[in-house]
Amino acid sequence: MNQQRRLTFFHAPNSRSSGVLALLEEIGADYELRVLNLKKGEQRAPAYLAVNPMGKVPALLHGDALITEQVAVYLYLADLYPAAGLAPRLDDPLRGPYLRWLAFYGSCFEPAVIDRSMKRDPAPAATSPYGDFDTMLRTLTDQLAPGPFLLGDQFTAADVLWGSALAWTTGFGLVPSSPAIERYLQAVHSRPAMTRARARDAELAAAQV
């Protein structure tokens, strides 16, 4: 891993990149913040499309390396700062479960939530990436039930991702809340770095018109 750790982070408040802002706080990263105003369509302006042609946040620049796609950003940052302890090492028995739950977010949870929010039936079971919504959610909440975090007592970058995702999806009624989810969100969001990130994001949002 490149030891020159200065990062450029492209962020829009109240978006999927808000969780990455929290992760940067958790790991104590050295970064330059570039804020985009989604209300003004800055993510579709030529200047940003030259960075990420998909016009999405989050995005990171680390030297010549461009890192996009939410889960890739979490993986990259947690491995870039191993001293923060937010990514189990390769020889840790928790490494596989950690990767599983990061991948589950993008491959199962988001497609299921989007289909449900759009009132679309899932694809046939043989071709659906998540099967059906209830099975997907039950698989997740069964994992959360023992607590306090996804992997038990060990807090990881996966919890920053899921803490952010479950906060906004339950907040907007896209995912039904449950005691397991509520306990989990309390455990994640009571961390000082998460509190600082929420306050910073609210300041950035308030500054945009």
N, C-alpha and C. Protein backbone atom coordinates (compact mmCIF):
# COMPACT_ATOMS: atom_id res chain seq x y z
N MET A 1 0.84 -1.19 0.00
CA MET A 1 0.00 0.00 0.00
C MET A 1 0.87 1.24 0.00
N ASN A 2 0.52 2.19 -0.79
CA ASN A 2 1.26 3.44 -0.87
C ASN A 2 1.27 4.13 0.49
N GLN A 3 2.45 4.45 0.99
CA GLN A 3 2.55 5.08 2.30
C GLN A 3 2.23 6.57 2.25
N GLN A 4 2.15 7.15 1.06
CA GLN A 4 1.69 8.54 0.94
C GLN A 4 0.17 8.52 1.06
N ARG A 5 -0.33 8.91 2.21
CA ARG A 5 -1.74 8.65 2.51
C ARG A 5 -2.67 9.82 2.23
N ARG A 6 -2.16 10.93 1.74
CA ARG A 6 -3.04 12.07 1.49
C ARG A 6 -4.07 11.70 0.43
N LEU A 7 -5.34 11.83 0.79
CA LEU A 7 -6.45 11.45 -0.06
C LEU A 7 -7.24 12.69 -0.48
N THR A 8 -7.89 12.60 -1.62
CA THR A 8 -8.88 13.59 -2.01
C THR A 8 -10.23 12.88 -2.02
N PHE A 9 -11.14 13.39 -1.23
CA PHE A 9 -12.45 12.76 -1.03
C PHE A 9 -13.54 13.64 -1.63
N PHE A 10 -14.26 13.11 -2.60
CA PHE A 10 -15.38 13.81 -3.24
C PHE A 10 -16.66 13.37 -2.53
N HIS A 11 -17.36 14.36 -1.99
CA HIS A 11 -18.45 14.07 -1.06
C HIS A 11 -19.63 15.00 -1.32
N ALA A 12 -20.82 14.48 -1.11
CA ALA A 12 -22.03 15.29 -1.10
C ALA A 12 -22.76 15.00 0.19
N PRO A 13 -23.11 16.02 0.98
CA PRO A 13 -23.79 15.77 2.25
C PRO A 13 -25.15 15.12 2.03
N ASN A 14 -25.56 14.34 3.03
CA ASN A 14 -26.84 13.63 2.99
C ASN A 14 -26.94 12.70 1.78
N SER A 15 -25.86 12.00 1.52
CA SER A 15 -25.83 11.05 0.41
C SER A 15 -25.11 9.79 0.88
N ARG A 16 -24.91 8.86 -0.06
CA ARG A 16 -24.20 7.64 0.29
C ARG A 16 -22.78 7.91 0.77
N SER A 17 -22.22 9.03 0.38
CA SER A 17 -20.85 9.30 0.80
C SER A 17 -20.77 9.78 2.25
N SER A 18 -21.90 10.02 2.89
CA SER A 18 -21.86 10.45 4.29
C SER A 18 -21.25 9.37 5.18
N GLY A 19 -21.49 8.12 4.85
CA GLY A 19 -20.87 7.05 5.61
C GLY A 19 -19.36 7.04 5.47
N VAL A 20 -18.87 7.39 4.29
CA VAL A 20 -17.42 7.45 4.09
C VAL A 20 -16.82 8.59 4.91
N LEU A 21 -17.53 9.69 5.03
CA LEU A 21 -17.08 10.78 5.89
C LEU A 21 -16.90 10.26 7.32
N ALA A 22 -17.84 9.44 7.77
CA ALA A 22 -17.74 8.85 9.10
C ALA A 22 -16.55 7.90 9.19
N LEU A 23 -16.33 7.11 8.16
CA LEU A 23 -15.19 6.20 8.16
C LEU A 23 -13.87 6.96 8.22
N LEU A 24 -13.77 8.06 7.48
CA LEU A 24 -12.57 8.88 7.54
C LEU A 24 -12.33 9.42 8.94
N GLU A 25 -13.39 9.76 9.64
CA GLU A 25 -13.26 10.19 11.04
C GLU A 25 -12.79 9.04 11.91
N GLU A 26 -13.35 7.86 11.70
CA GLU A 26 -12.98 6.69 12.51
C GLU A 26 -11.50 6.35 12.36
N ILE A 27 -10.97 6.45 11.17
CA ILE A 27 -9.58 6.03 10.95
C ILE A 27 -8.59 7.17 11.10
N GLY A 28 -9.08 8.40 11.29
CA GLY A 28 -8.18 9.53 11.42
C GLY A 28 -7.41 9.82 10.15
N ALA A 29 -8.09 9.76 9.02
CA ALA A 29 -7.42 9.89 7.72
C ALA A 29 -6.96 11.31 7.45
N ASP A 30 -5.93 11.40 6.64
CA ASP A 30 -5.43 12.67 6.12
C ASP A 30 -6.04 12.86 4.74
N TYR A 31 -6.94 13.83 4.61
CA TYR A 31 -7.64 13.98 3.33
C TYR A 31 -8.03 15.42 3.05
N GLU A 32 -8.21 15.69 1.77
CA GLU A 32 -8.75 16.96 1.29
C GLU A 32 -10.19 16.72 0.89
N LEU A 33 -11.09 17.55 1.39
CA LEU A 33 -12.52 17.38 1.12
C LEU A 33 -12.94 18.23 -0.07
N ARG A 34 -13.56 17.61 -1.05
CA ARG A 34 -14.16 18.31 -2.19
C ARG A 34 -15.67 18.08 -2.12
N VAL A 35 -16.41 19.11 -1.84
CA VAL A 35 -17.85 18.99 -1.63
C VAL A 35 -18.60 19.30 -2.91
N LEU A 36 -19.54 18.43 -3.25
CA LEU A 36 -20.40 18.61 -4.42
C LEU A 36 -21.81 18.95 -3.95
N ASN A 37 -22.47 19.81 -4.69
CA ASN A 37 -23.85 20.18 -4.39
C ASN A 37 -24.76 19.43 -5.36
N LEU A 38 -25.42 18.39 -4.85
CA LEU A 38 -26.29 17.59 -5.71
C LEU A 38 -27.50 18.38 -6.19
N LYS A 39 -27.95 19.34 -5.38
CA LYS A 39 -29.10 20.15 -5.77
C LYS A 39 -28.80 20.96 -7.02
N LYS A 40 -27.55 21.32 -7.20
CA LYS A 40 -27.15 22.09 -8.39
C LYS A 40 -26.63 21.20 -9.51
N GLY A 41 -26.67 19.88 -9.29
CA GLY A 41 -26.23 18.96 -10.33
C GLY A 41 -24.74 18.94 -10.56
N GLU A 42 -23.96 19.32 -9.54
CA GLU A 42 -22.52 19.39 -9.73
C GLU A 42 -21.89 18.02 -9.99
N GLN A 43 -22.59 16.96 -9.59
CA GLN A 43 -22.07 15.62 -9.85
C GLN A 43 -22.13 15.26 -11.33
N ARG A 44 -22.88 16.03 -12.10
CA ARG A 44 -22.99 15.80 -13.55
C ARG A 44 -22.23 16.83 -14.37
N ALA A 45 -21.55 17.72 -13.70
CA ALA A 45 -20.77 18.74 -14.41
C ALA A 45 -19.51 18.10 -14.99
N PRO A 46 -19.01 18.66 -16.11
CA PRO A 46 -17.83 18.07 -16.75
C PRO A 46 -16.63 17.91 -15.81
N ALA A 47 -16.45 18.86 -14.90
CA ALA A 47 -15.29 18.78 -14.01
C ALA A 47 -15.32 17.52 -13.16
N TYR A 48 -16.52 17.15 -12.67
CA TYR A 48 -16.58 15.94 -11.85
C TYR A 48 -16.66 14.68 -12.71
N LEU A 49 -17.32 14.76 -13.83
CA LEU A 49 -17.37 13.58 -14.71
C LEU A 49 -15.98 13.19 -15.19
N ALA A 50 -15.07 14.15 -15.22
CA ALA A 50 -13.68 13.83 -15.57
C ALA A 50 -13.02 13.00 -14.47
N VAL A 51 -13.56 13.10 -13.25
CA VAL A 51 -13.06 12.27 -12.14
C VAL A 51 -13.77 10.93 -12.14
N ASN A 52 -15.09 10.98 -12.08
CA ASN A 52 -15.90 9.76 -12.06
C ASN A 52 -16.97 9.87 -13.15
N PRO A 53 -16.78 9.19 -14.27
CA PRO A 53 -17.74 9.29 -15.38
C PRO A 53 -19.15 8.85 -15.01
N MET A 54 -19.29 8.10 -13.91
CA MET A 54 -20.62 7.69 -13.47
C MET A 54 -21.37 8.82 -12.77
N GLY A 55 -20.67 9.88 -12.40
CA GLY A 55 -21.33 11.00 -11.74
C GLY A 55 -21.87 10.66 -10.37
N LYS A 56 -21.16 9.78 -9.65
CA LYS A 56 -21.63 9.34 -8.34
C LYS A 56 -20.61 9.70 -7.27
N VAL A 57 -21.10 9.82 -6.05
CA VAL A 57 -20.23 9.89 -4.87
C VAL A 57 -20.56 8.66 -4.02
N PRO A 58 -19.60 8.21 -3.23
CA PRO A 58 -18.28 8.76 -2.97
C PRO A 58 -17.28 8.42 -4.07
N ALA A 59 -16.20 9.21 -4.09
CA ALA A 59 -15.05 8.89 -4.91
C ALA A 59 -13.80 9.35 -4.17
N LEU A 60 -12.74 8.60 -4.33
CA LEU A 60 -11.46 8.92 -3.72
C LEU A 60 -10.39 8.99 -4.79
N LEU A 61 -9.46 9.92 -4.63
CA LEU A 61 -8.22 9.91 -5.38
C LEU A 61 -7.09 9.72 -4.39
N HIS A 62 -6.25 8.76 -4.68
CA HIS A 62 -5.07 8.50 -3.84
C HIS A 62 -3.89 8.37 -4.77
N GLY A 63 -3.15 9.46 -4.91
CA GLY A 63 -2.13 9.49 -5.94
C GLY A 63 -2.79 9.39 -7.30
N ASP A 64 -2.37 8.42 -8.10
CA ASP A 64 -2.97 8.20 -9.42
C ASP A 64 -4.15 7.24 -9.38
N ALA A 65 -4.45 6.71 -8.22
CA ALA A 65 -5.51 5.71 -8.12
C ALA A 65 -6.86 6.37 -7.86
N LEU A 66 -7.85 6.01 -8.67
CA LEU A 66 -9.23 6.44 -8.46
C LEU A 66 -9.99 5.27 -7.87
N ILE A 67 -10.68 5.51 -6.76
CA ILE A 67 -11.49 4.48 -6.13
C ILE A 67 -12.92 4.98 -6.08
N THR A 68 -13.81 4.27 -6.76
CA THR A 68 -15.23 4.57 -6.71
C THR A 68 -15.96 3.30 -6.28
N GLU A 69 -17.26 3.38 -6.21
CA GLU A 69 -18.14 2.31 -5.76
C GLU A 69 -18.00 2.17 -4.24
N GLN A 70 -19.12 2.28 -3.60
CA GLN A 70 -19.16 2.45 -2.16
C GLN A 70 -18.36 1.39 -1.39
N VAL A 71 -18.61 0.14 -1.69
CA VAL A 71 -17.94 -0.93 -0.95
C VAL A 71 -16.44 -0.91 -1.20
N ALA A 72 -16.02 -0.64 -2.44
CA ALA A 72 -14.60 -0.57 -2.74
C ALA A 72 -13.93 0.53 -1.92
N VAL A 73 -14.61 1.65 -1.73
CA VAL A 73 -14.04 2.74 -0.95
C VAL A 73 -13.84 2.32 0.50
N TYR A 74 -14.82 1.62 1.07
CA TYR A 74 -14.69 1.15 2.45
C TYR A 74 -13.54 0.17 2.59
N LEU A 75 -13.45 -0.77 1.68
CA LEU A 75 -12.37 -1.75 1.72
C LEU A 75 -11.02 -1.06 1.62
N TYR A 76 -10.90 -0.14 0.70
CA TYR A 76 -9.62 0.52 0.46
C TYR A 76 -9.18 1.31 1.69
N LEU A 77 -10.09 2.10 2.25
CA LEU A 77 -9.72 2.93 3.38
C LEU A 77 -9.36 2.12 4.61
N ALA A 78 -10.14 1.09 4.89
CA ALA A 78 -9.86 0.28 6.08
C ALA A 78 -8.52 -0.43 5.96
N ASP A 79 -8.15 -0.87 4.75
CA ASP A 79 -6.86 -1.52 4.55
C ASP A 79 -5.72 -0.52 4.50
N LEU A 80 -6.00 0.70 4.06
CA LEU A 80 -4.96 1.73 3.98
C LEU A 80 -4.50 2.16 5.37
N TYR A 81 -5.40 2.08 6.34
CA TYR A 81 -5.11 2.47 7.72
C TYR A 81 -5.26 1.28 8.65
N PRO A 82 -4.39 0.29 8.56
CA PRO A 82 -4.56 -0.92 9.38
C PRO A 82 -4.48 -0.66 10.87
N ALA A 83 -3.76 0.38 11.28
CA ALA A 83 -3.64 0.65 12.71
C ALA A 83 -4.98 1.00 13.35
N ALA A 84 -5.94 1.45 12.55
CA ALA A 84 -7.26 1.77 13.09
C ALA A 84 -8.02 0.52 13.50
N GLY A 85 -7.62 -0.64 12.99
CA GLY A 85 -8.24 -1.90 13.38
C GLY A 85 -9.65 -2.10 12.86
N LEU A 86 -9.99 -1.49 11.74
CA LEU A 86 -11.35 -1.60 11.22
C LEU A 86 -11.50 -2.64 10.12
N ALA A 87 -10.42 -3.37 9.82
CA ALA A 87 -10.48 -4.45 8.84
C ALA A 87 -9.73 -5.66 9.40
N PRO A 88 -10.40 -6.78 9.60
CA PRO A 88 -9.68 -7.97 10.05
C PRO A 88 -8.58 -8.32 9.05
N ARG A 89 -7.44 -8.75 9.56
CA ARG A 89 -6.33 -9.11 8.69
C ARG A 89 -6.63 -10.40 7.94
N LEU A 90 -5.82 -10.68 6.92
CA LEU A 90 -6.08 -11.83 6.06
C LEU A 90 -6.09 -13.14 6.82
N ASP A 91 -5.31 -13.26 7.88
CA ASP A 91 -5.26 -14.51 8.64
C ASP A 91 -6.23 -14.53 9.81
N ASP A 92 -7.06 -13.51 9.93
CA ASP A 92 -8.06 -13.43 10.99
C ASP A 92 -9.30 -14.22 10.55
N PRO A 93 -9.84 -15.10 11.40
CA PRO A 93 -11.05 -15.84 11.02
C PRO A 93 -12.25 -14.95 10.68
N LEU A 94 -12.21 -13.72 11.14
CA LEU A 94 -13.32 -12.80 10.84
C LEU A 94 -13.18 -12.12 9.48
N ARG A 95 -12.04 -12.33 8.78
CA ARG A 95 -11.86 -11.65 7.49
C ARG A 95 -12.94 -12.08 6.49
N GLY A 96 -13.23 -13.36 6.41
CA GLY A 96 -14.26 -13.82 5.47
C GLY A 96 -15.63 -13.26 5.78
N PRO A 97 -16.13 -13.36 7.04
CA PRO A 97 -17.40 -12.73 7.37
C PRO A 97 -17.43 -11.22 7.12
N TYR A 98 -16.32 -10.56 7.38
CA TYR A 98 -16.23 -9.11 7.11
C TYR A 98 -16.46 -8.83 5.63
N LEU A 99 -15.78 -9.57 4.77
CA LEU A 99 -15.97 -9.39 3.33
C LEU A 99 -17.38 -9.77 2.91
N ARG A 100 -17.90 -10.81 3.53
CA ARG A 100 -19.27 -11.24 3.19
C ARG A 100 -20.27 -10.11 3.39
N TRP A 101 -20.19 -9.44 4.55
CA TRP A 101 -21.21 -8.44 4.84
C TRP A 101 -21.00 -7.14 4.09
N LEU A 102 -19.78 -6.85 3.71
CA LEU A 102 -19.59 -5.72 2.80
C LEU A 102 -20.18 -6.03 1.43
N ALA A 103 -19.95 -7.23 0.93
CA ALA A 103 -20.48 -7.61 -0.38
C ALA A 103 -22.00 -7.74 -0.34
N PHE A 104 -22.54 -8.23 0.77
CA PHE A 104 -23.99 -8.41 0.91
C PHE A 104 -24.72 -7.09 0.73
N TYR A 105 -24.10 -6.01 1.18
CA TYR A 105 -24.75 -4.71 1.05
C TYR A 105 -25.04 -4.38 -0.40
N GLY A 106 -24.01 -4.46 -1.25
CA GLY A 106 -24.20 -4.06 -2.64
C GLY A 106 -24.89 -5.10 -3.49
N SER A 107 -24.70 -6.38 -3.18
CA SER A 107 -25.24 -7.43 -4.04
C SER A 107 -26.66 -7.84 -3.66
N CYS A 108 -27.05 -7.64 -2.40
CA CYS A 108 -28.37 -8.07 -1.96
C CYS A 108 -29.22 -6.93 -1.41
N PHE A 109 -28.67 -6.19 -0.44
CA PHE A 109 -29.48 -5.20 0.26
C PHE A 109 -29.95 -4.07 -0.64
N GLU A 110 -29.01 -3.42 -1.33
CA GLU A 110 -29.42 -2.28 -2.17
C GLU A 110 -30.37 -2.69 -3.28
N PRO A 111 -30.11 -3.76 -4.03
CA PRO A 111 -31.09 -4.14 -5.06
C PRO A 111 -32.47 -4.43 -4.49
N ALA A 112 -32.51 -5.07 -3.32
CA ALA A 112 -33.81 -5.38 -2.71
C ALA A 112 -34.54 -4.11 -2.29
N VAL A 113 -33.81 -3.18 -1.68
CA VAL A 113 -34.42 -1.94 -1.22
C VAL A 113 -34.90 -1.10 -2.41
N ILE A 114 -34.12 -1.06 -3.47
CA ILE A 114 -34.52 -0.28 -4.64
C ILE A 114 -35.76 -0.87 -5.29
N ASP A 115 -35.79 -2.18 -5.45
CA ASP A 115 -36.99 -2.80 -6.02
C ASP A 115 -38.21 -2.50 -5.16
N ARG A 116 -38.05 -2.61 -3.86
CA ARG A 116 -39.19 -2.37 -2.95
C ARG A 116 -39.64 -0.91 -3.01
N SER A 117 -38.67 0.02 -3.04
CA SER A 117 -39.04 1.44 -3.06
C SER A 117 -39.74 1.81 -4.37
N MET A 118 -39.38 1.13 -5.46
CA MET A 118 -39.99 1.38 -6.76
C MET A 118 -41.25 0.55 -6.98
N LYS A 119 -41.61 -0.24 -5.96
CA LYS A 119 -42.79 -1.12 -6.02
C LYS A 119 -42.69 -2.11 -7.18
N ARG A 120 -41.47 -2.62 -7.38
CA ARG A 120 -41.23 -3.61 -8.42
C ARG A 120 -41.10 -4.99 -7.79
N ASP A 121 -41.67 -5.97 -8.45
CA ASP A 121 -41.47 -7.34 -7.99
C ASP A 121 -40.03 -7.75 -8.28
N PRO A 122 -39.44 -8.58 -7.40
CA PRO A 122 -38.09 -9.06 -7.71
C PRO A 122 -38.11 -9.95 -8.94
N ALA A 123 -36.96 -10.12 -9.53
CA ALA A 123 -36.82 -11.07 -10.63
C ALA A 123 -37.13 -12.47 -10.12
N PRO A 124 -37.40 -13.42 -11.00
CA PRO A 124 -37.59 -14.80 -10.55
C PRO A 124 -36.44 -15.25 -9.66
N ALA A 125 -36.73 -16.10 -8.71
CA ALA A 125 -35.74 -16.48 -7.69
C ALA A 125 -34.43 -16.96 -8.30
N ALA A 126 -34.51 -17.63 -9.43
CA ALA A 126 -33.30 -18.17 -10.04
C ALA A 126 -32.37 -17.09 -10.58
N THR A 127 -32.90 -15.89 -10.81
CA THR A 127 -32.09 -14.81 -11.37
C THR A 127 -31.98 -13.59 -10.47
N SER A 128 -32.77 -13.53 -9.40
CA SER A 128 -32.71 -12.38 -8.49
C SER A 128 -31.44 -12.43 -7.66
N PRO A 129 -30.73 -11.30 -7.54
CA PRO A 129 -29.51 -11.32 -6.73
C PRO A 129 -29.76 -11.46 -5.24
N TYR A 130 -31.01 -11.23 -4.81
CA TYR A 130 -31.30 -11.30 -3.38
C TYR A 130 -32.41 -12.27 -3.03
N GLY A 131 -32.96 -12.96 -4.00
CA GLY A 131 -34.05 -13.89 -3.72
C GLY A 131 -35.34 -13.13 -3.51
N ASP A 132 -35.70 -12.87 -2.25
CA ASP A 132 -36.86 -12.05 -1.94
C ASP A 132 -36.52 -11.15 -0.76
N PHE A 133 -37.26 -10.08 -0.62
CA PHE A 133 -36.94 -9.04 0.36
C PHE A 133 -36.94 -9.59 1.78
N ASP A 134 -37.96 -10.36 2.13
CA ASP A 134 -38.06 -10.84 3.51
C ASP A 134 -36.91 -11.75 3.89
N THR A 135 -36.49 -12.61 2.97
CA THR A 135 -35.35 -13.48 3.25
C THR A 135 -34.08 -12.67 3.41
N MET A 136 -33.90 -11.69 2.54
CA MET A 136 -32.72 -10.82 2.64
C MET A 136 -32.67 -10.13 3.99
N LEU A 137 -33.81 -9.54 4.41
CA LEU A 137 -33.82 -8.78 5.66
C LEU A 137 -33.65 -9.71 6.86
N ARG A 138 -34.27 -10.87 6.81
CA ARG A 138 -34.14 -11.81 7.93
C ARG A 138 -32.69 -12.29 8.06
N THR A 139 -32.02 -12.51 6.94
CA THR A 139 -30.62 -12.90 6.98
C THR A 139 -29.78 -11.83 7.67
N LEU A 140 -30.06 -10.59 7.36
CA LEU A 140 -29.33 -9.48 7.97
C LEU A 140 -29.65 -9.36 9.45
N THR A 141 -30.92 -9.34 9.82
CA THR A 141 -31.27 -9.12 11.22
C THR A 141 -30.86 -10.30 12.10
N ASP A 142 -30.83 -11.50 11.55
CA ASP A 142 -30.31 -12.63 12.32
C ASP A 142 -28.84 -12.43 12.65
N GLN A 143 -28.10 -11.82 11.73
CA GLN A 143 -26.69 -11.54 11.98
C GLN A 143 -26.53 -10.44 13.04
N LEU A 144 -27.43 -9.47 13.03
CA LEU A 144 -27.34 -8.36 13.97
C LEU A 144 -27.78 -8.73 15.38
N ALA A 145 -28.64 -9.73 15.51
CA ALA A 145 -29.29 -10.02 16.78
C ALA A 145 -28.33 -10.23 17.95
N PRO A 146 -27.24 -11.01 17.79
CA PRO A 146 -26.36 -11.21 18.95
C PRO A 146 -25.68 -9.93 19.41
N GLY A 147 -25.34 -9.04 18.46
CA GLY A 147 -24.76 -7.73 18.74
C GLY A 147 -23.40 -7.82 19.43
N PRO A 148 -22.84 -6.66 19.77
CA PRO A 148 -23.41 -5.35 19.44
C PRO A 148 -23.20 -4.93 17.98
N PHE A 149 -22.20 -5.58 17.31
CA PHE A 149 -21.89 -5.20 15.94
C PHE A 149 -22.08 -6.39 15.01
N LEU A 150 -21.87 -6.18 13.73
CA LEU A 150 -22.07 -7.25 12.75
C LEU A 150 -21.25 -8.49 13.07
N LEU A 151 -20.02 -8.28 13.51
CA LEU A 151 -19.11 -9.39 13.79
C LEU A 151 -18.96 -9.61 15.29
N GLY A 152 -19.99 -9.28 16.03
CA GLY A 152 -19.94 -9.47 17.47
C GLY A 152 -19.34 -8.26 18.16
N ASP A 153 -18.31 -8.49 18.97
CA ASP A 153 -17.72 -7.40 19.73
C ASP A 153 -16.80 -6.52 18.89
N GLN A 154 -16.37 -6.99 17.72
CA GLN A 154 -15.40 -6.23 16.92
C GLN A 154 -16.10 -5.27 15.97
N PHE A 155 -15.82 -3.99 16.15
CA PHE A 155 -16.34 -2.94 15.27
C PHE A 155 -15.44 -2.84 14.04
N THR A 156 -16.03 -2.82 12.86
CA THR A 156 -15.26 -2.76 11.62
C THR A 156 -15.84 -1.71 10.67
N ALA A 157 -15.14 -1.54 9.55
CA ALA A 157 -15.64 -0.63 8.52
C ALA A 157 -17.01 -1.06 8.01
N ALA A 158 -17.30 -2.35 8.06
CA ALA A 158 -18.62 -2.82 7.63
C ALA A 158 -19.72 -2.21 8.49
N ASP A 159 -19.45 -1.95 9.76
CA ASP A 159 -20.46 -1.34 10.63
C ASP A 159 -20.68 0.12 10.28
N VAL A 160 -19.66 0.80 9.81
CA VAL A 160 -19.85 2.18 9.37
C VAL A 160 -20.79 2.20 8.17
N LEU A 161 -20.57 1.29 7.24
CA LEU A 161 -21.43 1.18 6.06
C LEU A 161 -22.86 0.85 6.46
N TRP A 162 -23.02 -0.20 7.23
CA TRP A 162 -24.38 -0.65 7.58
C TRP A 162 -25.07 0.31 8.54
N GLY A 163 -24.32 0.94 9.43
CA GLY A 163 -24.93 1.92 10.32
C GLY A 163 -25.50 3.09 9.54
N SER A 164 -24.78 3.53 8.52
CA SER A 164 -25.28 4.60 7.66
C SER A 164 -26.48 4.14 6.84
N ALA A 165 -26.35 2.98 6.23
CA ALA A 165 -27.41 2.49 5.34
C ALA A 165 -28.71 2.23 6.09
N LEU A 166 -28.63 1.59 7.25
CA LEU A 166 -29.85 1.27 7.99
C LEU A 166 -30.48 2.51 8.60
N ALA A 167 -29.66 3.50 8.94
CA ALA A 167 -30.23 4.73 9.48
C ALA A 167 -31.13 5.41 8.45
N TRP A 168 -30.65 5.52 7.21
CA TRP A 168 -31.48 6.25 6.24
C TRP A 168 -32.60 5.39 5.67
N THR A 169 -32.39 4.09 5.54
CA THR A 169 -33.47 3.26 4.98
C THR A 169 -34.60 3.06 5.98
N THR A 170 -34.29 2.93 7.27
CA THR A 170 -35.38 2.85 8.25
C THR A 170 -36.00 4.22 8.45
N GLY A 171 -35.17 5.28 8.39
CA GLY A 171 -35.69 6.63 8.56
C GLY A 171 -36.71 7.01 7.51
N PHE A 172 -36.51 6.53 6.28
CA PHE A 172 -37.43 6.81 5.19
C PHE A 172 -38.49 5.72 5.01
N GLY A 173 -38.51 4.75 5.92
CA GLY A 173 -39.51 3.71 5.86
C GLY A 173 -39.29 2.70 4.75
N LEU A 174 -38.10 2.66 4.18
CA LEU A 174 -37.81 1.69 3.13
C LEU A 174 -37.52 0.31 3.70
N VAL A 175 -37.07 0.28 4.92
CA VAL A 175 -36.80 -0.96 5.64
C VAL A 175 -37.51 -0.87 6.99
N PRO A 176 -38.30 -1.87 7.36
CA PRO A 176 -38.96 -1.82 8.67
C PRO A 176 -37.95 -1.95 9.79
N SER A 177 -38.10 -1.13 10.80
CA SER A 177 -37.20 -1.22 11.93
C SER A 177 -37.56 -2.44 12.78
N SER A 178 -36.69 -2.77 13.70
CA SER A 178 -36.89 -3.91 14.60
C SER A 178 -36.01 -3.67 15.81
N PRO A 179 -36.25 -4.39 16.91
CA PRO A 179 -35.38 -4.22 18.07
C PRO A 179 -33.91 -4.48 17.76
N ALA A 180 -33.62 -5.47 16.92
CA ALA A 180 -32.23 -5.76 16.58
C ALA A 180 -31.60 -4.60 15.82
N ILE A 181 -32.33 -4.02 14.88
CA ILE A 181 -31.80 -2.88 14.12
C ILE A 181 -31.64 -1.67 15.02
N GLU A 182 -32.60 -1.41 15.88
CA GLU A 182 -32.51 -0.25 16.77
C GLU A 182 -31.33 -0.37 17.71
N ARG A 183 -31.11 -1.56 18.28
CA ARG A 183 -29.96 -1.76 19.17
C ARG A 183 -28.66 -1.56 18.40
N TYR A 184 -28.64 -2.06 17.19
CA TYR A 184 -27.44 -1.94 16.36
C TYR A 184 -27.14 -0.48 16.05
N LEU A 185 -28.13 0.26 15.62
CA LEU A 185 -27.92 1.67 15.29
C LEU A 185 -27.46 2.47 16.51
N GLN A 186 -28.00 2.15 17.67
CA GLN A 186 -27.56 2.83 18.88
C GLN A 186 -26.09 2.54 19.16
N ALA A 187 -25.67 1.29 18.99
CA ALA A 187 -24.28 0.92 19.24
C ALA A 187 -23.33 1.62 18.27
N VAL A 188 -23.73 1.69 17.01
CA VAL A 188 -22.86 2.31 16.00
C VAL A 188 -22.83 3.83 16.16
N HIS A 189 -23.97 4.44 16.27
CA HIS A 189 -24.04 5.90 16.21
C HIS A 189 -23.67 6.59 17.52
N SER A 190 -23.48 5.82 18.58
CA SER A 190 -23.02 6.42 19.83
C SER A 190 -21.51 6.61 19.86
N ARG A 191 -20.80 6.10 18.85
CA ARG A 191 -19.36 6.26 18.81
C ARG A 191 -18.99 7.72 18.54
N PRO A 192 -17.97 8.25 19.20
CA PRO A 192 -17.63 9.67 19.02
C PRO A 192 -17.35 10.08 17.57
N ALA A 193 -16.65 9.23 16.82
CA ALA A 193 -16.35 9.58 15.43
C ALA A 193 -17.62 9.68 14.60
N MET A 194 -18.57 8.82 14.86
CA MET A 194 -19.84 8.86 14.12
C MET A 194 -20.60 10.14 14.46
N THR A 195 -20.57 10.52 15.72
CA THR A 195 -21.23 11.76 16.14
C THR A 195 -20.60 12.97 15.47
N ARG A 196 -19.26 12.99 15.42
CA ARG A 196 -18.57 14.11 14.77
C ARG A 196 -18.91 14.18 13.28
N ALA A 197 -18.96 13.03 12.65
CA ALA A 197 -19.25 13.01 11.21
C ALA A 197 -20.66 13.50 10.92
N ARG A 198 -21.63 13.10 11.74
CA ARG A 198 -23.01 13.57 11.53
C ARG A 198 -23.08 15.10 11.66
N ALA A 199 -22.37 15.64 12.65
CA ALA A 199 -22.39 17.09 12.84
C ALA A 199 -21.73 17.80 11.66
N ARG A 200 -20.62 17.24 11.17
CA ARG A 200 -19.93 17.86 10.03
C ARG A 200 -20.81 17.80 8.79
N ASP A 201 -21.47 16.68 8.59
CA ASP A 201 -22.32 16.54 7.40
C ASP A 201 -23.49 17.52 7.47
N ALA A 202 -24.06 17.69 8.67
CA ALA A 202 -25.17 18.64 8.81
C ALA A 202 -24.70 20.07 8.50
N GLU A 203 -23.49 20.43 8.91
CA GLU A 203 -22.95 21.75 8.60
C GLU A 203 -22.77 21.93 7.10
N LEU A 204 -22.25 20.91 6.45
CA LEU A 204 -22.04 20.99 4.99
C LEU A 204 -23.38 21.11 4.26
N ALA A 205 -24.38 20.36 4.72
CA ALA A 205 -25.69 20.41 4.09
C ALA A 205 -26.33 21.80 4.27
N ALA A 206 -26.17 22.34 5.48
CA ALA A 206 -26.79 23.65 5.75
C ALA A 206 -26.15 24.76 4.92
N ALA A 207 -24.91 24.55 4.51
CA ALA A 207 -24.22 25.59 3.73
C ALA A 207 -24.62 25.56 2.26
N GLN A 208 -25.32 24.52 1.85
CA GLN A 208 -25.72 24.41 0.44
C GLN A 208 -27.13 24.91 0.26
N VAL A 209 -27.38 25.57 -0.86
CA VAL A 209 -28.72 26.09 -1.15
C VAL A 209 -29.18 25.54 -2.49
